[in-house]
Amino acid sequence: MDLNNKVAVITGGASGLGRATAEMVINQGGKVALFDLNEDLVAQTAEELGPNATGMSVNVTEEESVEAAVTATMATFGAIHVNVNCAGIGAASRTLSKEGAMPLKMFNFVIQVNLIGTFNTLRLCAAQMQNNEPDNSDNERGVVINTASVAAFDGQIGQAAYAASKAGVAGMTLPIARDLGRSGIRVCTIAPGIFETPMMAGAPDRVRDPLIEMVQHPKRLGEAPEYALLARQIIENPYLNGETIRLDGGIRMAPR
């Protein structure tokens, strides 16, 4: 799919991987609707990105919130061609600790944001994509890109909830690609390693250095534009579908 004059809905779009993807789409001639829980930051980001961006405060776990944002996107731009789901949270807690069993509320919250929120958004965007005119000879109408994590495969101690949520995102990739294939919509997932995001910005060297050591090459954390570059390649390559792609410098996470 050629991004020129296309519209992308990007969750978690106010910062990090989402913002880098929004910048890429705009640079390729597209328009972006940024969905983010942080109302002030998403408004600021949209203003900085210019007239081809709009920002909305959205809670991806709530059906009504996403429905309203999708309706607003259609009113503003007239279509949705791409959906990139970057919204997510990281929370660490052992199944058993000195304080007792992990609170079920914590486990459920991580699943709600990372897994349910992803599905909630993509299903509503796909409902609009199916009405698009085919983009090319393959009758392509839309592309969905979800964000998992290497934790889906190499979850560390304390990552039961996070790893489960991201494994769910990876696990639903192929079934959803099969569901949406008849509508001309492709679905892929990116599983990033450890990236330089706002979540990692405040981490001390004692946390960062062991993570970098687990990376094979290059010996550094990933950079948000590298995620955006892979997103662009997925969007533009019509034969990429139903796949989860690790973007991690060859990292394999140790237990801790």
Foldseek 3Di string as FASTA:
>chain_A
DQLAAAEEEEEVLLWFLNVLLQLVSVVSHHAYEYEYQPAVSQCVSQVVSDDRYHYDRAQLLDLVRLLVSVVVCCVVRVAHAEYEYDWADADFDACQDPVGGDPPVVLVVRLSGLAVSLVSNVVSNLVRQLPAQQPDPLRARHEYEYEAACCLPQPAGRRPSNNVNRVNVLVCFQVVQVVCVVSRYFYEYEHEYAAPTPVCVPPDCVVQVVSLVQADPDSHHHYSNVSSVVVVVCVPDSPDGSYYHYHYNNGRDDND
